[in-house]
């Protein structure tokens, strides 16, 4: 159980980390537009954005490995750990406010993951 939770935490950390880097990259960009010069200079040459994409690709490749060796009915629900990591990233990286009800939801998510993995 602990091994599987650790493996899933690694995968969801890669996903959440990739999303955090995408947000940091988007925050550094000019207002978004679908023009080619914007996409080339603002998106493709943005270090946060590129590293975020690499993390997301790696997380998906890792997910394929997990799908091969673990039951889908267990590992897919464990991806909800990403919600917890996202909330913590919002709090600590982006300075967002987290309410008591959101903390309670975080506890429920983590408890549910332990129950599913057991």
N, C-alpha and C. Protein backbone atom coordinates (compact mmCIF):
# COMPACT_ATOMS: atom_id res chain seq x y z
N UNK A 1 0.82 -1.20 0.00
CA UNK A 1 0.00 0.00 0.00
C UNK A 1 0.87 1.26 0.00
N UNK A 2 1.85 1.33 0.89
CA UNK A 2 2.69 2.52 0.97
C UNK A 2 3.47 2.72 -0.33
N UNK A 3 3.96 1.61 -0.93
CA UNK A 3 4.69 1.71 -2.19
C UNK A 3 3.80 2.31 -3.28
N UNK A 4 2.57 1.82 -3.38
CA UNK A 4 1.66 2.33 -4.42
C UNK A 4 1.33 3.80 -4.17
N UNK A 5 1.07 4.17 -2.92
CA UNK A 5 0.80 5.58 -2.63
C UNK A 5 2.00 6.45 -3.00
N UNK A 6 3.20 5.97 -2.73
CA UNK A 6 4.40 6.71 -3.09
C UNK A 6 4.53 6.86 -4.60
N UNK A 7 4.31 5.76 -5.34
CA UNK A 7 4.39 5.82 -6.80
C UNK A 7 3.37 6.80 -7.37
N UNK A 8 2.16 6.76 -6.84
CA UNK A 8 1.11 7.66 -7.32
C UNK A 8 1.39 9.10 -6.92
N UNK A 9 1.96 9.29 -5.73
CA UNK A 9 2.31 10.64 -5.31
C UNK A 9 3.38 11.23 -6.23
N UNK A 10 4.32 10.39 -6.66
CA UNK A 10 5.33 10.86 -7.61
C UNK A 10 4.69 11.29 -8.93
N UNK A 11 3.77 10.47 -9.42
CA UNK A 11 3.13 10.78 -10.69
C UNK A 11 2.28 12.04 -10.59
N UNK A 12 1.52 12.15 -9.51
CA UNK A 12 0.67 13.35 -9.37
C UNK A 12 1.51 14.58 -9.07
N UNK A 13 2.66 14.41 -8.40
CA UNK A 13 3.55 15.56 -8.17
C UNK A 13 4.13 16.06 -9.49
N UNK A 14 4.43 15.14 -10.39
CA UNK A 14 4.91 15.55 -11.72
C UNK A 14 3.82 16.32 -12.45
N UNK A 15 2.58 15.82 -12.38
CA UNK A 15 1.47 16.52 -13.04
C UNK A 15 1.23 17.89 -12.41
N UNK A 16 1.15 17.93 -11.09
CA UNK A 16 0.90 19.20 -10.42
C UNK A 16 2.06 20.17 -10.64
N UNK A 17 3.28 19.65 -10.58
CA UNK A 17 4.44 20.51 -10.82
C UNK A 17 4.43 21.08 -12.23
N UNK A 18 4.06 20.26 -13.19
CA UNK A 18 3.95 20.75 -14.56
C UNK A 18 2.91 21.85 -14.68
N UNK A 19 1.77 21.67 -14.03
CA UNK A 19 0.72 22.69 -14.08
C UNK A 19 1.15 23.97 -13.38
N UNK A 20 1.86 23.84 -12.26
CA UNK A 20 2.37 25.03 -11.55
C UNK A 20 3.33 25.80 -12.46
N UNK A 21 4.23 25.07 -13.12
CA UNK A 21 5.17 25.74 -14.02
C UNK A 21 4.46 26.40 -15.20
N UNK A 22 3.41 25.75 -15.73
CA UNK A 22 2.63 26.38 -16.80
C UNK A 22 2.01 27.68 -16.30
N UNK A 23 1.46 27.67 -15.09
CA UNK A 23 0.84 28.89 -14.54
C UNK A 23 1.89 29.97 -14.33
N UNK A 24 3.07 29.60 -13.79
CA UNK A 24 4.13 30.58 -13.61
C UNK A 24 4.55 31.17 -14.96
N UNK A 25 4.64 30.30 -15.97
CA UNK A 25 4.99 30.78 -17.30
C UNK A 25 3.93 31.69 -17.88
N UNK A 26 2.67 31.33 -17.71
CA UNK A 26 1.58 32.16 -18.23
C UNK A 26 1.53 33.51 -17.52
N UNK A 27 1.85 33.52 -16.22
CA UNK A 27 1.85 34.78 -15.47
C UNK A 27 2.91 35.75 -15.98
N UNK A 28 3.99 35.23 -16.58
CA UNK A 28 5.06 36.08 -17.09
C UNK A 28 4.80 36.60 -18.50
N UNK A 29 3.77 36.08 -19.14
CA UNK A 29 3.51 36.43 -20.54
C UNK A 29 2.63 37.67 -20.67
N UNK A 30 2.72 38.25 -21.86
CA UNK A 30 1.81 39.34 -22.22
C UNK A 30 0.41 38.75 -22.35
N UNK A 31 -0.62 39.57 -22.45
CA UNK A 31 -1.97 39.04 -22.65
C UNK A 31 -2.01 38.06 -23.82
N UNK A 32 -2.73 36.97 -23.64
CA UNK A 32 -2.72 35.86 -24.60
C UNK A 32 -3.37 36.24 -25.92
N UNK A 33 -2.76 35.77 -27.00
CA UNK A 33 -3.31 35.92 -28.35
C UNK A 33 -2.89 34.70 -29.17
N UNK A 34 -3.64 34.39 -30.22
CA UNK A 34 -3.36 33.24 -31.06
C UNK A 34 -2.45 33.59 -32.23
N UNK A 35 -1.71 34.65 -32.17
CA UNK A 35 -0.80 35.04 -33.25
C UNK A 35 0.48 34.22 -33.16
N UNK A 36 1.04 33.87 -34.33
CA UNK A 36 2.23 33.01 -34.39
C UNK A 36 3.42 33.60 -33.66
N UNK A 37 3.67 34.90 -33.82
CA UNK A 37 4.84 35.49 -33.16
C UNK A 37 4.68 35.45 -31.64
N UNK A 38 3.45 35.61 -31.16
CA UNK A 38 3.20 35.50 -29.72
C UNK A 38 3.48 34.07 -29.26
N UNK A 39 2.92 33.10 -29.98
CA UNK A 39 3.09 31.71 -29.59
C UNK A 39 4.56 31.31 -29.60
N UNK A 40 5.32 31.79 -30.57
CA UNK A 40 6.73 31.44 -30.65
C UNK A 40 7.53 32.09 -29.52
N UNK A 41 7.38 33.39 -29.36
CA UNK A 41 8.22 34.12 -28.40
C UNK A 41 7.72 34.03 -26.96
N UNK A 42 6.44 34.10 -26.76
CA UNK A 42 5.90 34.12 -25.40
C UNK A 42 5.71 32.73 -24.81
N UNK A 43 5.39 31.76 -25.65
CA UNK A 43 5.09 30.42 -25.15
C UNK A 43 6.30 29.50 -25.32
N UNK A 44 6.75 29.31 -26.53
CA UNK A 44 7.78 28.31 -26.79
C UNK A 44 9.16 28.69 -26.23
N UNK A 45 9.42 29.96 -26.03
CA UNK A 45 10.71 30.38 -25.48
C UNK A 45 10.62 30.72 -24.00
N UNK A 46 9.55 30.33 -23.36
CA UNK A 46 9.35 30.59 -21.94
C UNK A 46 9.84 29.37 -21.16
N UNK A 47 10.88 29.53 -20.34
CA UNK A 47 11.48 28.42 -19.61
C UNK A 47 10.50 27.69 -18.70
N UNK A 48 9.69 28.43 -17.96
CA UNK A 48 8.71 27.79 -17.08
C UNK A 48 7.76 26.92 -17.89
N UNK A 49 7.31 27.48 -19.00
CA UNK A 49 6.35 26.77 -19.84
C UNK A 49 6.96 25.50 -20.42
N UNK A 50 8.19 25.59 -20.92
CA UNK A 50 8.85 24.43 -21.52
C UNK A 50 9.11 23.33 -20.50
N UNK A 51 9.60 23.70 -19.33
CA UNK A 51 9.86 22.70 -18.29
C UNK A 51 8.54 22.08 -17.82
N UNK A 52 7.49 22.90 -17.74
CA UNK A 52 6.17 22.39 -17.38
C UNK A 52 5.67 21.36 -18.39
N UNK A 53 5.85 21.64 -19.67
CA UNK A 53 5.45 20.68 -20.70
C UNK A 53 6.25 19.38 -20.59
N UNK A 54 7.54 19.50 -20.34
CA UNK A 54 8.38 18.30 -20.19
C UNK A 54 7.91 17.46 -19.00
N UNK A 55 7.59 18.12 -17.89
CA UNK A 55 7.08 17.40 -16.72
C UNK A 55 5.76 16.70 -17.03
N UNK A 56 4.88 17.38 -17.75
CA UNK A 56 3.59 16.79 -18.08
C UNK A 56 3.76 15.59 -19.02
N UNK A 57 4.66 15.69 -19.97
CA UNK A 57 4.92 14.55 -20.86
C UNK A 57 5.49 13.39 -20.06
N UNK A 58 6.45 13.68 -19.17
CA UNK A 58 7.03 12.63 -18.32
C UNK A 58 5.99 11.99 -17.42
N UNK A 59 5.11 12.79 -16.86
CA UNK A 59 4.06 12.27 -15.99
C UNK A 59 3.13 11.33 -16.75
N UNK A 60 2.84 11.67 -17.99
CA UNK A 60 1.96 10.81 -18.79
C UNK A 60 2.66 9.51 -19.20
N UNK A 61 3.95 9.56 -19.47
CA UNK A 61 4.68 8.33 -19.77
C UNK A 61 4.75 7.44 -18.53
N UNK A 62 4.98 8.05 -17.39
CA UNK A 62 4.99 7.32 -16.12
C UNK A 62 3.61 6.70 -15.85
N UNK A 63 2.56 7.45 -16.19
CA UNK A 63 1.19 6.95 -16.03
C UNK A 63 0.96 5.69 -16.86
N UNK A 64 1.51 5.66 -18.06
CA UNK A 64 1.38 4.47 -18.90
C UNK A 64 2.02 3.26 -18.23
N UNK A 65 3.17 3.46 -17.59
CA UNK A 65 3.83 2.38 -16.86
C UNK A 65 2.94 1.91 -15.70
N UNK A 66 2.38 2.86 -14.96
CA UNK A 66 1.49 2.49 -13.85
C UNK A 66 0.28 1.70 -14.35
N UNK A 67 -0.29 2.11 -15.48
CA UNK A 67 -1.43 1.40 -16.05
C UNK A 67 -1.08 -0.05 -16.38
N UNK A 68 0.13 -0.28 -16.80
CA UNK A 68 0.56 -1.63 -17.17
C UNK A 68 0.63 -2.55 -15.96
N UNK A 69 1.01 -2.04 -14.80
CA UNK A 69 1.34 -2.91 -13.67
C UNK A 69 0.40 -2.83 -12.47
N UNK A 70 -0.53 -1.89 -12.45
CA UNK A 70 -1.42 -1.75 -11.29
C UNK A 70 -2.88 -1.72 -11.73
N UNK A 71 -3.79 -2.14 -10.85
CA UNK A 71 -5.22 -2.14 -11.19
C UNK A 71 -5.75 -0.71 -11.41
N UNK A 72 -6.43 -0.54 -12.52
CA UNK A 72 -6.99 0.77 -12.87
C UNK A 72 -7.95 1.27 -11.79
N UNK A 73 -8.73 0.34 -11.22
CA UNK A 73 -9.73 0.72 -10.20
C UNK A 73 -9.08 1.27 -8.94
N UNK A 74 -7.80 1.07 -8.79
CA UNK A 74 -7.08 1.63 -7.63
C UNK A 74 -6.29 2.87 -8.03
N UNK A 75 -5.53 2.77 -9.12
CA UNK A 75 -4.64 3.90 -9.43
C UNK A 75 -5.38 5.13 -9.95
N UNK A 76 -6.45 4.94 -10.70
CA UNK A 76 -7.14 6.12 -11.23
C UNK A 76 -7.71 6.99 -10.10
N UNK A 77 -8.41 6.42 -9.12
CA UNK A 77 -8.88 7.27 -8.02
C UNK A 77 -7.74 7.95 -7.25
N UNK A 78 -6.57 7.32 -7.23
CA UNK A 78 -5.44 7.92 -6.51
C UNK A 78 -4.90 9.17 -7.21
N UNK A 79 -5.29 9.40 -8.44
CA UNK A 79 -4.87 10.63 -9.10
C UNK A 79 -5.48 11.86 -8.42
N UNK A 80 -6.48 11.64 -7.57
CA UNK A 80 -7.08 12.77 -6.85
C UNK A 80 -6.09 13.39 -5.87
N UNK A 81 -4.97 12.72 -5.61
CA UNK A 81 -3.91 13.36 -4.82
C UNK A 81 -3.46 14.66 -5.48
N UNK A 82 -3.63 14.75 -6.78
CA UNK A 82 -3.28 15.97 -7.50
C UNK A 82 -4.09 17.18 -7.04
N UNK A 83 -5.34 16.95 -6.62
CA UNK A 83 -6.16 18.06 -6.09
C UNK A 83 -5.52 18.62 -4.82
N UNK A 84 -5.02 17.71 -3.98
CA UNK A 84 -4.38 18.15 -2.74
C UNK A 84 -3.11 18.93 -3.05
N UNK A 85 -2.30 18.41 -3.97
CA UNK A 85 -1.06 19.10 -4.32
C UNK A 85 -1.35 20.45 -4.97
N UNK A 86 -2.40 20.51 -5.78
CA UNK A 86 -2.78 21.77 -6.41
C UNK A 86 -3.21 22.81 -5.38
N UNK A 87 -3.96 22.38 -4.39
CA UNK A 87 -4.39 23.31 -3.36
C UNK A 87 -3.19 23.82 -2.55
N UNK A 88 -2.27 22.92 -2.22
CA UNK A 88 -1.08 23.33 -1.48
C UNK A 88 -0.20 24.26 -2.31
N UNK A 89 -0.11 24.01 -3.61
CA UNK A 89 0.65 24.90 -4.50
C UNK A 89 0.00 26.28 -4.55
N UNK A 90 -1.33 26.31 -4.62
CA UNK A 90 -2.03 27.59 -4.61
C UNK A 90 -1.72 28.38 -3.35
N UNK A 91 -1.68 27.68 -2.23
CA UNK A 91 -1.42 28.33 -0.94
C UNK A 91 0.02 28.81 -0.85
N UNK A 92 0.98 27.93 -1.08
CA UNK A 92 2.38 28.24 -0.82
C UNK A 92 3.12 28.92 -1.97
N UNK A 93 2.73 28.66 -3.19
CA UNK A 93 3.45 29.25 -4.32
C UNK A 93 2.77 30.52 -4.82
N UNK A 94 1.44 30.49 -4.88
CA UNK A 94 0.71 31.63 -5.45
C UNK A 94 0.07 32.52 -4.39
N UNK A 95 0.22 32.17 -3.11
CA UNK A 95 -0.30 33.01 -2.03
C UNK A 95 -1.81 33.08 -1.97
N UNK A 96 -2.49 32.06 -2.46
CA UNK A 96 -3.95 32.04 -2.44
C UNK A 96 -4.47 31.68 -1.05
N UNK A 97 -5.69 32.08 -0.77
CA UNK A 97 -6.32 31.78 0.51
C UNK A 97 -7.00 30.42 0.44
N UNK A 98 -6.85 29.64 1.50
CA UNK A 98 -7.51 28.34 1.60
C UNK A 98 -8.43 28.39 2.81
N UNK A 99 -9.71 28.12 2.58
CA UNK A 99 -10.70 28.20 3.65
C UNK A 99 -10.72 26.92 4.48
N UNK A 100 -11.38 26.99 5.62
CA UNK A 100 -11.51 25.82 6.48
C UNK A 100 -12.24 24.69 5.77
N UNK A 101 -13.24 25.02 4.98
CA UNK A 101 -13.98 24.00 4.23
C UNK A 101 -13.07 23.32 3.20
N UNK A 102 -12.19 24.08 2.57
CA UNK A 102 -11.24 23.49 1.63
C UNK A 102 -10.26 22.56 2.35
N UNK A 103 -9.79 22.94 3.54
CA UNK A 103 -8.92 22.06 4.33
C UNK A 103 -9.64 20.76 4.68
N UNK A 104 -10.92 20.89 5.02
CA UNK A 104 -11.71 19.69 5.33
C UNK A 104 -11.80 18.79 4.10
N UNK A 105 -12.01 19.38 2.93
CA UNK A 105 -12.05 18.62 1.70
C UNK A 105 -10.73 17.93 1.42
N UNK A 106 -9.64 18.60 1.73
CA UNK A 106 -8.31 18.00 1.56
C UNK A 106 -8.15 16.76 2.44
N UNK A 107 -8.61 16.85 3.67
CA UNK A 107 -8.54 15.70 4.59
C UNK A 107 -9.37 14.54 4.04
N UNK A 108 -10.55 14.83 3.51
CA UNK A 108 -11.41 13.79 2.94
C UNK A 108 -10.73 13.12 1.74
N UNK A 109 -10.12 13.92 0.88
CA UNK A 109 -9.43 13.37 -0.30
C UNK A 109 -8.30 12.44 0.13
N UNK A 110 -7.48 12.89 1.06
CA UNK A 110 -6.34 12.08 1.50
C UNK A 110 -6.82 10.81 2.21
N UNK A 111 -7.83 10.93 3.04
CA UNK A 111 -8.39 9.75 3.71
C UNK A 111 -8.95 8.77 2.68
N UNK A 112 -9.63 9.28 1.68
CA UNK A 112 -10.16 8.41 0.63
C UNK A 112 -9.07 7.69 -0.13
N UNK A 113 -7.97 8.37 -0.38
CA UNK A 113 -6.84 7.73 -1.07
C UNK A 113 -6.25 6.59 -0.24
N UNK A 114 -6.13 6.80 1.05
CA UNK A 114 -5.64 5.73 1.92
C UNK A 114 -6.59 4.54 1.90
N UNK A 115 -7.89 4.81 1.91
CA UNK A 115 -8.87 3.74 1.90
C UNK A 115 -8.83 2.96 0.59
N UNK A 116 -8.69 3.66 -0.52
CA UNK A 116 -8.64 3.01 -1.84
C UNK A 116 -7.38 2.17 -1.99
N UNK A 117 -6.25 2.70 -1.51
CA UNK A 117 -4.99 2.00 -1.67
C UNK A 117 -4.84 0.80 -0.73
N UNK A 118 -5.63 0.76 0.30
CA UNK A 118 -5.49 -0.32 1.29
C UNK A 118 -6.01 -1.64 0.79
